């Protein structure tokens, strides 16, 4: 609603910017909600979107959610080094060292 009130364009760039801003601001639930609502806005999330969600999960020590997202990214998206580091970082933040080491070995 706010986007429309301000006359902003909804696109992948604005989605990723909003997700990143929410993540950096410690609003991990909002960051993930933005990505979840992308389909209803006609926007298909990309690797950057998923990386932002992984980073958001890591900042709030939701390592299990980060791991689930990383392991279940849509086949059309390829996890990259940033996503891998974010997933590993989420595990590290929660002292889940065995899981982090398993990700590194893959």
PDB file of N, CA and C in Angstrom:
ATOM      1  N   UNK A   1       0.813  -1.194   0.000  1.00  0.00           N
ATOM      2  CA  UNK A   1       0.000   0.000   0.000  1.00  0.00           C
ATOM      3  C   UNK A   1       0.854   1.254   0.000  1.00  0.00           C
ATOM      4  N   UNK A   2       1.870   1.273   0.847  1.00  0.00           N
ATOM      5  CA  UNK A   2       2.727   2.455   0.940  1.00  0.00           C
ATOM      6  C   UNK A   2       3.414   2.715  -0.387  1.00  0.00           C
ATOM      7  N   UNK A   3       3.824   1.642  -1.043  1.00  0.00           N
ATOM      8  CA  UNK A   3       4.502   1.776  -2.328  1.00  0.00           C
ATOM      9  C   UNK A   3       3.605   2.490  -3.322  1.00  0.00           C
ATOM     10  N   UNK A   4       2.343   2.089  -3.364  1.00  0.00           N
ATOM     11  CA  UNK A   4       1.405   2.718  -4.294  1.00  0.00           C
ATOM     12  C   UNK A   4       1.130   4.171  -3.907  1.00  0.00           C
ATOM     13  N   UNK A   5       1.016   4.439  -2.610  1.00  0.00           N
ATOM     14  CA  UNK A   5       0.767   5.804  -2.148  1.00  0.00           C
ATOM     15  C   UNK A   5       1.909   6.738  -2.530  1.00  0.00           C
ATOM     16  N   UNK A   6       3.123   6.213  -2.507  1.00  0.00           N
ATOM     17  CA  UNK A   6       4.291   7.027  -2.848  1.00  0.00           C
ATOM     18  C   UNK A   6       4.553   7.079  -4.348  1.00  0.00           C
ATOM     19  N   UNK A   7       3.804   6.285  -5.100  1.00  0.00           N
ATOM     20  CA  UNK A   7       3.982   6.275  -6.545  1.00  0.00           C
ATOM     21  C   UNK A   7       5.234   5.539  -6.991  1.00  0.00           C
ATOM     22  N   UNK A   8       5.689   4.603  -6.175  1.00  0.00           N
ATOM     23  CA  UNK A   8       6.887   3.840  -6.507  1.00  0.00           C
ATOM     24  C   UNK A   8       6.528   2.641  -7.372  1.00  0.00           C
ATOM     25  N   UNK A   9       7.497   2.204  -8.163  1.00  0.00           N
ATOM     26  CA  UNK A   9       7.293   1.048  -9.029  1.00  0.00           C
ATOM     27  C   UNK A   9       7.695  -0.217  -8.293  1.00  0.00           C
ATOM     28  N   UNK A  10       6.826  -1.221  -8.362  1.00  0.00           N
ATOM     29  CA  UNK A  10       7.145  -2.521  -7.789  1.00  0.00           C
ATOM     30  C   UNK A  10       7.880  -3.341  -8.837  1.00  0.00           C
ATOM     31  N   UNK A  11       9.103  -3.693  -8.535  1.00  0.00           N
ATOM     32  CA  UNK A  11       9.875  -4.543  -9.424  1.00  0.00           C
ATOM     33  C   UNK A  11      10.887  -5.318  -8.590  1.00  0.00           C
ATOM     34  N   UNK A  12      11.681  -6.117  -9.240  1.00  0.00           N
ATOM     35  CA  UNK A  12      12.637  -6.958  -8.531  1.00  0.00           C
ATOM     36  C   UNK A  12      13.660  -6.123  -7.763  1.00  0.00           C
ATOM     37  N   UNK A  13      14.066  -5.010  -8.327  1.00  0.00           N
ATOM     38  CA  UNK A  13      15.053  -4.151  -7.653  1.00  0.00           C
ATOM     39  C   UNK A  13      14.471  -3.570  -6.365  1.00  0.00           C
ATOM     40  N   UNK A  14      13.243  -3.081  -6.426  1.00  0.00           N
ATOM     41  CA  UNK A  14      12.635  -2.523  -5.211  1.00  0.00           C
ATOM     42  C   UNK A  14      12.372  -3.619  -4.180  1.00  0.00           C
ATOM     43  N   UNK A  15      12.003  -4.815  -4.638  1.00  0.00           N
ATOM     44  CA  UNK A  15      11.813  -5.954  -3.737  1.00  0.00           C
ATOM     45  C   UNK A  15      13.114  -6.272  -3.004  1.00  0.00           C
ATOM     46  N   UNK A  16      14.195  -6.388  -3.758  1.00  0.00           N
ATOM     47  CA  UNK A  16      15.481  -6.722  -3.145  1.00  0.00           C
ATOM     48  C   UNK A  16      15.975  -5.610  -2.233  1.00  0.00           C
ATOM     49  N   UNK A  17      15.743  -4.367  -2.607  1.00  0.00           N
ATOM     50  CA  UNK A  17      16.143  -3.241  -1.764  1.00  0.00           C
ATOM     51  C   UNK A  17      15.370  -3.246  -0.454  1.00  0.00           C
ATOM     52  N   UNK A  18      14.079  -3.480  -0.537  1.00  0.00           N
ATOM     53  CA  UNK A  18      13.249  -3.515   0.678  1.00  0.00           C
ATOM     54  C   UNK A  18      13.658  -4.673   1.579  1.00  0.00           C
ATOM     55  N   UNK A  19      13.903  -5.824   0.989  1.00  0.00           N
ATOM     56  CA  UNK A  19      14.309  -6.995   1.765  1.00  0.00           C
ATOM     57  C   UNK A  19      15.643  -6.747   2.451  1.00  0.00           C
ATOM     58  N   UNK A  20      16.578  -6.190   1.725  1.00  0.00           N
ATOM     59  CA  UNK A  20      17.889  -5.893   2.288  1.00  0.00           C
ATOM     60  C   UNK A  20      17.790  -4.876   3.429  1.00  0.00           C
ATOM     61  N   UNK A  21      16.995  -3.840   3.233  1.00  0.00           N
ATOM     62  CA  UNK A  21      16.829  -2.814   4.273  1.00  0.00           C
ATOM     63  C   UNK A  21      16.197  -3.405   5.530  1.00  0.00           C
ATOM     64  N   UNK A  22      15.200  -4.242   5.351  1.00  0.00           N
ATOM     65  CA  UNK A  22      14.565  -4.885   6.513  1.00  0.00           C
ATOM     66  C   UNK A  22      15.561  -5.778   7.247  1.00  0.00           C
ATOM     67  N   UNK A  23      16.337  -6.519   6.482  1.00  0.00           N
ATOM     68  CA  UNK A  23      17.324  -7.412   7.080  1.00  0.00           C
ATOM     69  C   UNK A  23      18.354  -6.626   7.884  1.00  0.00           C
ATOM     70  N   UNK A  24      18.877  -5.575   7.284  1.00  0.00           N
ATOM     71  CA  UNK A  24      19.894  -4.759   7.965  1.00  0.00           C
ATOM     72  C   UNK A  24      19.324  -4.046   9.182  1.00  0.00           C
ATOM     73  N   UNK A  25      18.032  -3.777   9.157  1.00  0.00           N
ATOM     74  CA  UNK A  25      17.383  -3.106  10.276  1.00  0.00           C
ATOM     75  C   UNK A  25      16.910  -4.057  11.363  1.00  0.00           C
ATOM     76  N   UNK A  26      17.235  -5.340  11.207  1.00  0.00           N
ATOM     77  CA  UNK A  26      16.850  -6.316  12.212  1.00  0.00           C
ATOM     78  C   UNK A  26      15.393  -6.752  12.144  1.00  0.00           C
ATOM     79  N   UNK A  27      14.733  -6.433  11.062  1.00  0.00           N
ATOM     80  CA  UNK A  27      13.316  -6.805  10.888  1.00  0.00           C
ATOM     81  C   UNK A  27      13.213  -8.042  10.005  1.00  0.00           C
ATOM     82  N   UNK A  28      13.754  -9.154  10.491  1.00  0.00           N
ATOM     83  CA  UNK A  28      13.861 -10.358   9.678  1.00  0.00           C
ATOM     84  C   UNK A  28      12.498 -10.882   9.225  1.00  0.00           C
ATOM     85  N   UNK A  29      11.492 -10.810  10.097  1.00  0.00           N
ATOM     86  CA  UNK A  29      10.167 -11.307   9.698  1.00  0.00           C
ATOM     87  C   UNK A  29       9.602 -10.489   8.542  1.00  0.00           C
ATOM     88  N   UNK A  30       9.810  -9.192   8.595  1.00  0.00           N
ATOM     89  CA  UNK A  30       9.333  -8.326   7.527  1.00  0.00           C
ATOM     90  C   UNK A  30      10.100  -8.607   6.231  1.00  0.00           C
ATOM     91  N   UNK A  31      11.403  -8.827   6.341  1.00  0.00           N
ATOM     92  CA  UNK A  31      12.213  -9.147   5.157  1.00  0.00           C
ATOM     93  C   UNK A  31      11.694 -10.398   4.470  1.00  0.00           C
ATOM     94  N   UNK A  32      11.414 -11.417   5.238  1.00  0.00           N
ATOM     95  CA  UNK A  32      10.925 -12.676   4.671  1.00  0.00           C
ATOM     96  C   UNK A  32       9.505 -12.514   4.140  1.00  0.00           C
ATOM     97  N   UNK A  33       8.675 -11.742   4.824  1.00  0.00           N
ATOM     98  CA  UNK A  33       7.313 -11.500   4.347  1.00  0.00           C
ATOM     99  C   UNK A  33       7.317 -10.789   2.996  1.00  0.00           C
ATOM    100  N   UNK A  34       8.242  -9.859   2.816  1.00  0.00           N
ATOM    101  CA  UNK A  34       8.339  -9.149   1.529  1.00  0.00           C
ATOM    102  C   UNK A  34       8.590 -10.156   0.412  1.00  0.00           C
ATOM    103  N   UNK A  35       9.484 -11.089   0.646  1.00  0.00           N
ATOM    104  CA  UNK A  35       9.792 -12.099  -0.376  1.00  0.00           C
ATOM    105  C   UNK A  35       8.597 -13.024  -0.597  1.00  0.00           C
ATOM    106  N   UNK A  36       7.951 -13.422   0.479  1.00  0.00           N
ATOM    107  CA  UNK A  36       6.786 -14.307   0.353  1.00  0.00           C
ATOM    108  C   UNK A  36       5.660 -13.654  -0.438  1.00  0.00           C
ATOM    109  N   UNK A  37       5.516 -12.351  -0.323  1.00  0.00           N
ATOM    110  CA  UNK A  37       4.431 -11.651  -1.003  1.00  0.00           C
ATOM    111  C   UNK A  37       4.787 -11.265  -2.440  1.00  0.00           C
ATOM    112  N   UNK A  38       6.002 -11.535  -2.835  1.00  0.00           N
ATOM    113  CA  UNK A  38       6.445 -11.141  -4.175  1.00  0.00           C
ATOM    114  C   UNK A  38       5.556 -11.729  -5.261  1.00  0.00           C
ATOM    115  N   UNK A  39       5.198 -13.007  -5.129  1.00  0.00           N
ATOM    116  CA  UNK A  39       4.354 -13.646  -6.146  1.00  0.00           C
ATOM    117  C   UNK A  39       3.023 -12.936  -6.309  1.00  0.00           C
ATOM    118  N   UNK A  40       2.438 -12.499  -5.200  1.00  0.00           N
ATOM    119  CA  UNK A  40       1.151 -11.807  -5.298  1.00  0.00           C
ATOM    120  C   UNK A  40       1.294 -10.452  -5.968  1.00  0.00           C
ATOM    121  N   UNK A  41       2.521  -9.915  -5.985  1.00  0.00           N
ATOM    122  CA  UNK A  41       2.786  -8.638  -6.643  1.00  0.00           C
ATOM    123  C   UNK A  41       3.266  -8.836  -8.076  1.00  0.00           C
ATOM    124  N   UNK A  42       3.342 -10.099  -8.509  1.00  0.00           N
ATOM    125  CA  UNK A  42       3.787 -10.393  -9.860  1.00  0.00           C
ATOM    126  C   UNK A  42       5.297 -10.307 -10.034  1.00  0.00           C
ATOM    127  N   UNK A  43       6.031 -10.472  -8.937  1.00  0.00           N
ATOM    128  CA  UNK A  43       7.493 -10.397  -8.990  1.00  0.00           C
ATOM    129  C   UNK A  43       8.062 -11.758  -8.608  1.00  0.00           C
ATOM    130  N   UNK A  44       8.955 -12.265  -9.424  1.00  0.00           N
ATOM    131  CA  UNK A  44       9.601 -13.546  -9.127  1.00  0.00           C
ATOM    132  C   UNK A  44      10.928 -13.278  -8.430  1.00  0.00           C
ATOM    133  N   UNK A  45      11.071 -13.730  -7.154  1.00  0.00           N
ATOM    134  CA  UNK A  45      12.339 -13.527  -6.439  1.00  0.00           C
ATOM    135  C   UNK A  45      13.503 -14.182  -7.170  1.00  0.00           C
ATOM    136  N   UNK A  46      14.678 -13.602  -6.995  1.00  0.00           N
ATOM    137  CA  UNK A  46      15.880 -14.149  -7.610  1.00  0.00           C
ATOM    138  C   UNK A  46      16.869 -14.570  -6.526  1.00  0.00           C
ATOM    139  N   UNK A  47      18.082 -14.906  -6.939  1.00  0.00           N
ATOM    140  CA  UNK A  47      19.109 -15.333  -5.992  1.00  0.00           C
ATOM    141  C   UNK A  47      19.401 -14.240  -4.974  1.00  0.00           C
ATOM    142  N   UNK A  48      19.404 -13.002  -5.404  1.00  0.00           N
ATOM    143  CA  UNK A  48      19.663 -11.886  -4.482  1.00  0.00           C
ATOM    144  C   UNK A  48      18.560 -11.824  -3.421  1.00  0.00           C
ATOM    145  N   UNK A  49      17.331 -12.041  -3.814  1.00  0.00           N
ATOM    146  CA  UNK A  49      16.208 -12.053  -2.866  1.00  0.00           C
ATOM    147  C   UNK A  49      16.420 -13.134  -1.812  1.00  0.00           C
ATOM    148  N   UNK A  50      16.768 -14.320  -2.275  1.00  0.00           N
ATOM    149  CA  UNK A  50      16.991 -15.429  -1.350  1.00  0.00           C
ATOM    150  C   UNK A  50      18.188 -15.151  -0.442  1.00  0.00           C
ATOM    151  N   UNK A  51      19.237 -14.553  -0.996  1.00  0.00           N
ATOM    152  CA  UNK A  51      20.399 -14.213  -0.179  1.00  0.00           C
ATOM    153  C   UNK A  51      20.020 -13.218   0.919  1.00  0.00           C
ATOM    154  N   UNK A  52      19.158 -12.270   0.596  1.00  0.00           N
ATOM    155  CA  UNK A  52      18.701 -11.301   1.595  1.00  0.00           C
ATOM    156  C   UNK A  52      17.924 -11.995   2.708  1.00  0.00           C
ATOM    157  N   UNK A  53      17.096 -12.956   2.333  1.00  0.00           N
ATOM    158  CA  UNK A  53      16.350 -13.708   3.344  1.00  0.00           C
ATOM    159  C   UNK A  53      17.298 -14.544   4.196  1.00  0.00           C
ATOM    160  N   UNK A  54      18.281 -15.166   3.571  1.00  0.00           N
ATOM    161  CA  UNK A  54      19.268 -15.945   4.325  1.00  0.00           C
ATOM    162  C   UNK A  54      20.001 -15.055   5.320  1.00  0.00           C
ATOM    163  N   UNK A  55      20.378 -13.874   4.875  1.00  0.00           N
ATOM    164  CA  UNK A  55      21.064 -12.929   5.745  1.00  0.00           C
ATOM    165  C   UNK A  55      20.155 -12.510   6.896  1.00  0.00           C
ATOM    166  N   UNK A  56      18.890 -12.274   6.603  1.00  0.00           N
ATOM    167  CA  UNK A  56      17.932 -11.882   7.646  1.00  0.00           C
ATOM    168  C   UNK A  56      17.792 -12.990   8.687  1.00  0.00           C
ATOM    169  N   UNK A  57      17.677 -14.216   8.234  1.00  0.00           N
ATOM    170  CA  UNK A  57      17.586 -15.342   9.170  1.00  0.00           C
ATOM    171  C   UNK A  57      18.846 -15.432  10.031  1.00  0.00           C
ATOM    172  N   UNK A  58      19.982 -15.196   9.429  1.00  0.00           N
ATOM    173  CA  UNK A  58      21.239 -15.261  10.170  1.00  0.00           C
ATOM    174  C   UNK A  58      21.333 -14.200  11.250  1.00  0.00           C
ATOM    175  N   UNK A  59      20.851 -13.012  10.946  1.00  0.00           N
ATOM    176  CA  UNK A  59      20.922 -11.908  11.914  1.00  0.00           C
ATOM    177  C   UNK A  59      20.064 -12.165  13.144  1.00  0.00           C
ATOM    178  N   UNK A  60      19.052 -12.983  13.003  1.00  0.00           N
ATOM    179  CA  UNK A  60      18.164 -13.239  14.145  1.00  0.00           C
ATOM    180  C   UNK A  60      18.327 -14.656  14.686  1.00  0.00           C
ATOM    181  N   UNK A  61      19.406 -15.292  14.322  1.00  0.00           N
ATOM    182  CA  UNK A  61      19.765 -16.651  14.771  1.00  0.00           C
ATOM    183  C   UNK A  61      18.692 -17.698  14.461  1.00  0.00           C
ATOM    184  N   UNK A  62      18.049 -17.555  13.350  1.00  0.00           N
ATOM    185  CA  UNK A  62      17.088 -18.559  12.890  1.00  0.00           C
ATOM    186  C   UNK A  62      17.796 -19.487  11.902  1.00  0.00           C
ATOM    187  N   UNK A  63      18.829 -20.155  12.398  1.00  0.00           N
ATOM    188  CA  UNK A  63      19.679 -20.980  11.545  1.00  0.00           C
ATOM    189  C   UNK A  63      18.887 -22.078  10.840  1.00  0.00           C
ATOM    190  N   UNK A  64      17.906 -22.674  11.516  1.00  0.00           N
ATOM    191  CA  UNK A  64      17.142 -23.761  10.912  1.00  0.00           C
ATOM    192  C   UNK A  64      16.321 -23.265   9.716  1.00  0.00           C
ATOM    193  N   UNK A  65      15.821 -22.031   9.785  1.00  0.00           N
ATOM    194  CA  UNK A  65      15.079 -21.478   8.648  1.00  0.00           C
ATOM    195  C   UNK A  65      16.023 -21.143   7.498  1.00  0.00           C
ATOM    196  N   UNK A  66      17.198 -20.618   7.837  1.00  0.00           N
ATOM    197  CA  UNK A  66      18.200 -20.324   6.804  1.00  0.00           C
ATOM    198  C   UNK A  66      18.625 -21.608   6.101  1.00  0.00           C
ATOM    199  N   UNK A  67      18.856 -22.634   6.880  1.00  0.00           N
ATOM    200  CA  UNK A  67      19.278 -23.911   6.313  1.00  0.00           C
ATOM    201  C   UNK A  67      18.189 -24.492   5.409  1.00  0.00           C
ATOM    202  N   UNK A  68      16.947 -24.399   5.848  1.00  0.00           N
ATOM    203  CA  UNK A  68      15.834 -24.897   5.036  1.00  0.00           C
ATOM    204  C   UNK A  68      15.743 -24.140   3.705  1.00  0.00           C
ATOM    205  N   UNK A  69      15.825 -22.826   3.777  1.00  0.00           N
ATOM    206  CA  UNK A  69      15.760 -22.027   2.553  1.00  0.00           C
ATOM    207  C   UNK A  69      16.930 -22.355   1.627  1.00  0.00           C
ATOM    208  N   UNK A  70      18.130 -22.418   2.186  1.00  0.00           N
ATOM    209  CA  UNK A  70      19.323 -22.685   1.373  1.00  0.00           C
ATOM    210  C   UNK A  70      19.224 -24.041   0.672  1.00  0.00           C
ATOM    211  N   UNK A  71      18.775 -25.030   1.400  1.00  0.00           N
ATOM    212  CA  UNK A  71      18.696 -26.387   0.835  1.00  0.00           C
ATOM    213  C   UNK A  71      17.509 -26.567  -0.098  1.00  0.00           C
ATOM    214  N   UNK A  72      16.523 -25.681  -0.007  1.00  0.00           N
ATOM    215  CA  UNK A  72      15.300 -25.831  -0.804  1.00  0.00           C
ATOM    216  C   UNK A  72      15.045 -24.664  -1.739  1.00  0.00           C
ATOM    217  N   UNK A  73      16.101 -23.987  -2.145  1.00  0.00           N
ATOM    218  CA  UNK A  73      15.923 -22.901  -3.109  1.00  0.00           C
ATOM    219  C   UNK A  73      15.329 -23.479  -4.386  1.00  0.00           C
ATOM    220  N   UNK A  74      14.451 -22.731  -5.030  1.00  0.00           N
ATOM    221  CA  UNK A  74      13.858 -23.231  -6.282  1.00  0.00           C
ATOM    222  C   UNK A  74      14.943 -23.631  -7.280  1.00  0.00           C
ATOM    223  N   UNK A  75      14.642 -24.640  -8.068  1.00  0.00           N
ATOM    224  CA  UNK A  75      15.628 -25.148  -9.016  1.00  0.00           C
ATOM    225  C   UNK A  75      16.047 -24.090 -10.033  1.00  0.00           C
ATOM    226  N   UNK A  76      15.202 -23.114 -10.258  1.00  0.00           N
ATOM    227  CA  UNK A  76      15.549 -22.055 -11.206  1.00  0.00           C
ATOM    228  C   UNK A  76      16.617 -21.109 -10.641  1.00  0.00           C
ATOM    229  N   UNK A  77      16.822 -21.180  -9.324  1.00  0.00           N
ATOM    230  CA  UNK A  77      17.827 -20.335  -8.679  1.00  0.00           C
ATOM    231  C   UNK A  77      18.991 -21.196  -8.217  1.00  0.00           C
ATOM    232  N   UNK A  78      20.155 -20.700  -8.418  1.00  0.00           N
ATOM    233  CA  UNK A  78      21.351 -21.416  -7.983  1.00  0.00           C
ATOM    234  C   UNK A  78      21.919 -20.716  -6.753  1.00  0.00           C
ATOM    235  N   UNK A  79      22.093 -21.442  -5.657  1.00  0.00           N
ATOM    236  CA  UNK A  79      22.752 -20.817  -4.507  1.00  0.00           C
ATOM    237  C   UNK A  79      24.161 -20.372  -4.906  1.00  0.00           C
ATOM    238  N   UNK A  80      24.541 -19.170  -4.527  1.00  0.00           N
ATOM    239  CA  UNK A  80      25.876 -18.682  -4.848  1.00  0.00           C
ATOM    240  C   UNK A  80      26.706 -18.592  -3.565  1.00  0.00           C
ATOM    241  N   UNK A  81      27.914 -18.065  -3.697  1.00  0.00           N
ATOM    242  CA  UNK A  81      28.818 -17.977  -2.547  1.00  0.00           C
ATOM    243  C   UNK A  81      28.229 -17.100  -1.444  1.00  0.00           C
ATOM    244  N   UNK A  82      27.550 -16.025  -1.813  1.00  0.00           N
ATOM    245  CA  UNK A  82      26.958 -15.137  -0.809  1.00  0.00           C
ATOM    246  C   UNK A  82      25.886 -15.884  -0.019  1.00  0.00           C
ATOM    247  N   UNK A  83      25.055 -16.636  -0.711  1.00  0.00           N
ATOM    248  CA  UNK A  83      24.032 -17.430  -0.033  1.00  0.00           C
ATOM    249  C   UNK A  83      24.644 -18.480   0.868  1.00  0.00           C
ATOM    250  N   UNK A  84      25.688 -19.137   0.382  1.00  0.00           N
ATOM    251  CA  UNK A  84      26.363 -20.153   1.197  1.00  0.00           C
ATOM    252  C   UNK A  84      26.957 -19.527   2.451  1.00  0.00           C
ATOM    253  N   UNK A  85      27.635 -18.394   2.291  1.00  0.00           N
ATOM    254  CA  UNK A  85      28.224 -17.726   3.461  1.00  0.00           C
ATOM    255  C   UNK A  85      27.142 -17.255   4.433  1.00  0.00           C
ATOM    256  N   UNK A  86      26.018 -16.810   3.909  1.00  0.00           N
ATOM    257  CA  UNK A  86      24.915 -16.373   4.778  1.00  0.00           C
ATOM    258  C   UNK A  86      24.344 -17.546   5.559  1.00  0.00           C
ATOM    259  N   UNK A  87      24.169 -18.690   4.893  1.00  0.00           N
ATOM    260  CA  UNK A  87      23.662 -19.883   5.577  1.00  0.00           C
ATOM    261  C   UNK A  87      24.660 -20.359   6.628  1.00  0.00           C
ATOM    262  N   UNK A  88      25.936 -20.365   6.276  1.00  0.00           N
ATOM    263  CA  UNK A  88      26.981 -20.763   7.228  1.00  0.00           C
ATOM    264  C   UNK A  88      27.012 -19.783   8.395  1.00  0.00           C
ATOM    265  N   UNK A  89      26.901 -18.497   8.095  1.00  0.00           N
ATOM    266  CA  UNK A  89      26.902 -17.472   9.138  1.00  0.00           C
ATOM    267  C   UNK A  89      25.724 -17.619  10.084  1.00  0.00           C
ATOM    268  N   UNK A  90      24.565 -17.992   9.544  1.00  0.00           N
ATOM    269  CA  UNK A  90      23.389 -18.204  10.388  1.00  0.00           C
ATOM    270  C   UNK A  90      23.639 -19.347  11.370  1.00  0.00           C
ATOM    271  N   UNK A  91      24.273 -20.398  10.890  1.00  0.00           N
ATOM    272  CA  UNK A  91      24.613 -21.527  11.768  1.00  0.00           C
ATOM    273  C   UNK A  91      25.653 -21.098  12.801  1.00  0.00           C
ATOM    274  N   UNK A  92      26.627 -20.329  12.381  1.00  0.00           N
ATOM    275  CA  UNK A  92      27.676 -19.856  13.287  1.00  0.00           C
ATOM    276  C   UNK A  92      27.103 -18.979  14.388  1.00  0.00           C
ATOM    277  N   UNK A  93      26.178 -18.089  14.034  1.00  0.00           N
ATOM    278  CA  UNK A  93      25.561 -17.188  15.016  1.00  0.00           C
ATOM    279  C   UNK A  93      24.830 -17.957  16.112  1.00  0.00           C
ATOM    280  N   UNK A  94      24.381 -19.158  15.796  1.00  0.00           N
ATOM    281  CA  UNK A  94      23.641 -19.981  16.756  1.00  0.00           C
ATOM    282  C   UNK A  94      24.489 -21.110  17.323  1.00  0.00           C
ATOM    283  N   UNK A  95      25.786 -21.024  17.092  1.00  0.00           N
ATOM    284  CA  UNK A  95      26.736 -22.049  17.577  1.00  0.00           C
ATOM    285  C   UNK A  95      26.408 -23.445  17.046  1.00  0.00           C
ATOM    286  N   UNK A  96      25.909 -23.501  15.843  1.00  0.00           N
ATOM    287  CA  UNK A  96      25.610 -24.777  15.185  1.00  0.00           C
ATOM    288  C   UNK A  96      26.798 -25.170  14.302  1.00  0.00           C
ATOM    289  N   UNK A  97      27.946 -25.369  14.941  1.00  0.00           N
ATOM    290  CA  UNK A  97      29.187 -25.620  14.206  1.00  0.00           C
ATOM    291  C   UNK A  97      29.155 -26.883  13.361  1.00  0.00           C
ATOM    292  N   UNK A  98      28.599 -28.001  13.862  1.00  0.00           N
ATOM    293  CA  UNK A  98      28.567 -29.187  12.985  1.00  0.00           C
ATOM    294  C   UNK A  98      27.797 -28.952  11.680  1.00  0.00           C
ATOM    295  N   UNK A  99      26.698 -28.204  11.775  1.00  0.00           N
ATOM    296  CA  UNK A  99      25.899 -27.906  10.578  1.00  0.00           C
ATOM    297  C   UNK A  99      26.674 -26.985   9.654  1.00  0.00           C
ATOM    298  N   UNK A 100      27.332 -25.973  10.228  1.00  0.00           N
ATOM    299  CA  UNK A 100      28.129 -25.046   9.429  1.00  0.00           C
ATOM    300  C   UNK A 100      29.256 -25.784   8.706  1.00  0.00           C
ATOM    301  N   UNK A 101      29.922 -26.676   9.412  1.00  0.00           N
ATOM    302  CA  UNK A 101      31.013 -27.439   8.798  1.00  0.00           C
ATOM    303  C   UNK A 101      30.485 -28.356   7.696  1.00  0.00           C
ATOM    304  N   UNK A 102      29.299 -28.905   7.879  1.00  0.00           N
ATOM    305  CA  UNK A 102      28.700 -29.745   6.845  1.00  0.00           C
ATOM    306  C   UNK A 102      28.425 -28.924   5.585  1.00  0.00           C
ATOM    307  N   UNK A 103      27.952 -27.702   5.754  1.00  0.00           N
ATOM    308  CA  UNK A 103      27.723 -26.829   4.591  1.00  0.00           C
ATOM    309  C   UNK A 103      29.025 -26.497   3.881  1.00  0.00           C
ATOM    310  N   UNK A 104      30.078 -26.277   4.656  1.00  0.00           N
ATOM    311  CA  UNK A 104      31.379 -25.955   4.049  1.00  0.00           C
ATOM    312  C   UNK A 104      31.893 -27.121   3.232  1.00  0.00           C
ATOM    313  N   UNK A 105      31.673 -28.328   3.717  1.00  0.00           N
ATOM    314  CA  UNK A 105      32.167 -29.514   3.017  1.00  0.00           C
ATOM    315  C   UNK A 105      31.438 -29.780   1.706  1.00  0.00           C
ATOM    316  N   UNK A 106      30.241 -29.250   1.556  1.00  0.00           N
ATOM    317  CA  UNK A 106      29.449 -29.530   0.337  1.00  0.00           C
ATOM    318  C   UNK A 106      29.907 -28.740  -0.814  1.00  0.00           C
TER     319      UNK A 106
END
